[in-house]
Protein backbone atom coordinates (compact mmCIF):
# COMPACT_ATOMS: atom_id res chain seq x y z
CA MET A 1 60.41 74.15 -5.07
CA LEU A 2 60.27 76.75 -7.74
CA ASN A 3 57.20 75.07 -9.27
CA GLN A 4 55.65 75.60 -5.38
CA ASN A 5 56.89 79.16 -4.80
CA LEU A 6 55.12 79.97 -8.36
CA LYS A 7 51.91 78.32 -7.15
CA TYR A 8 51.82 79.91 -3.81
CA GLN A 9 52.56 83.31 -5.15
CA SER A 10 50.06 83.19 -8.17
CA LYS A 11 47.09 82.48 -5.65
CA VAL A 12 48.39 85.00 -3.41
CA ASN A 13 48.77 87.60 -6.66
CA LEU A 14 45.16 86.55 -7.59
CA VAL A 15 43.65 87.34 -4.30
CA ALA A 16 45.18 91.07 -4.40
CA GLU A 17 44.02 91.40 -7.72
CA ARG A 18 40.07 90.51 -7.10
CA LEU A 19 40.31 92.85 -3.93
CA ALA A 20 41.67 95.33 -6.25
CA LYS A 21 38.42 95.07 -8.46
CA MET A 22 36.33 95.55 -5.59
CA SER A 23 34.69 99.16 -4.42
CA SER A 24 36.70 101.50 -1.94
CA SER A 25 33.70 101.27 0.38
CA GLU A 26 33.79 97.23 0.43
CA LEU A 27 37.72 97.60 0.96
CA LEU A 28 37.48 99.68 3.97
CA ASP A 29 34.86 97.91 5.45
CA LEU A 30 36.87 94.59 5.65
CA PRO A 31 37.94 93.43 9.41
CA HIS A 32 41.61 93.49 10.39
CA TYR A 33 41.86 90.51 9.48
CA SER A 34 40.44 87.96 7.36
CA THR A 35 40.88 84.69 5.44
CA MET A 36 39.87 83.65 1.82
CA THR A 37 40.45 80.33 0.22
CA GLU A 38 41.92 80.08 -3.19
CA ASP A 39 42.17 76.72 -4.81
CA GLY A 40 42.53 75.30 -1.77
CA LEU A 41 45.17 77.55 0.10
CA GLU A 42 43.97 79.67 2.51
CA VAL A 43 45.53 83.15 2.47
CA GLY A 44 45.31 85.73 5.04
CA ILE A 45 43.88 89.21 4.72
CA TRP A 46 45.75 91.83 6.79
CA HIS A 47 43.81 95.34 6.45
CA HIS A 48 46.35 98.31 8.39
CA ASP A 49 45.33 102.29 8.57
CA THR A 50 48.51 103.85 8.04
CA ILE A 51 49.49 107.14 9.60
CA ASP A 52 48.95 109.07 6.71
CA ASP A 53 45.13 108.00 6.17
CA GLU A 54 45.86 105.55 3.98
CA HIS A 55 44.41 101.85 3.99
CA HIS A 56 47.13 98.94 3.04
CA ILE A 57 45.45 95.43 2.90
CA VAL A 58 48.45 92.56 2.70
CA VAL A 59 47.69 89.34 1.01
CA GLN A 60 49.63 86.70 3.12
CA ALA A 61 50.27 82.84 2.48
CA GLN A 62 52.65 80.65 4.51
CA ARG A 63 54.29 77.41 4.06
CA ARG A 64 56.48 75.27 6.01
CA VAL A 65 60.18 74.76 4.31
CA PHE A 66 61.97 73.26 6.65
CA LEU A 67 61.23 72.50 10.69
CA LEU A 68 60.99 75.95 11.71
CA LEU A 69 61.71 77.69 8.68
CA TRP A 70 58.78 79.41 6.73
CA LYS A 71 58.27 81.21 3.34
CA ASN A 72 55.99 84.14 3.00
CA TYR A 73 54.02 84.91 -0.36
CA LEU A 74 53.02 88.85 -0.07
CA ASN A 75 51.17 90.79 -2.37
CA GLY A 76 48.66 93.84 -1.40
CA ILE A 77 46.55 96.98 -2.17
CA ILE A 78 46.31 100.56 -1.43
CA VAL A 79 43.33 102.49 -0.92
CA LYS A 80 44.88 106.00 -0.97
CA ASN A 81 43.39 109.26 0.60
CA ASN A 82 40.96 109.95 -2.55
CA LEU A 83 39.79 106.79 -2.56
CA GLN A 84 41.92 105.23 -5.41
CA ILE A 85 43.09 101.78 -5.59
CA ILE A 86 46.31 100.58 -6.42
CA LEU A 87 48.20 97.77 -6.24
CA MET A 88 50.96 97.59 -3.67
CA PRO A 89 54.42 98.75 -5.02
CA ASN A 90 57.21 96.08 -4.17
CA LYS A 91 58.85 98.44 -1.95
CA VAL A 92 55.81 98.79 0.11
CA ILE A 93 55.26 94.70 -0.11
CA ALA A 94 58.78 94.14 1.35
CA SER A 95 58.36 96.29 4.70
CA TYR A 96 55.50 93.88 5.42
CA ASP A 97 58.14 90.23 5.04
């Protein structure tokens, strides 16, 4: 199970890193929800506008662990007010879990 967790999380991390290399204008033009496929795994991309005028772009994948139990894999980036792009800190990622 640990290998599967690492596989899913590494793919989510890869998508977040790929998004972080995009320009801020490309990121701000992302729809509120889209998907991307990374090595056969479909990853959801959620674009949230925050009240402090930042943009949180959350990358998420899920897998079923048992019947109704799902495991989430998250990462993301933030486009700040000054258009600086940073990887999302763990504390912020946790708020989307």
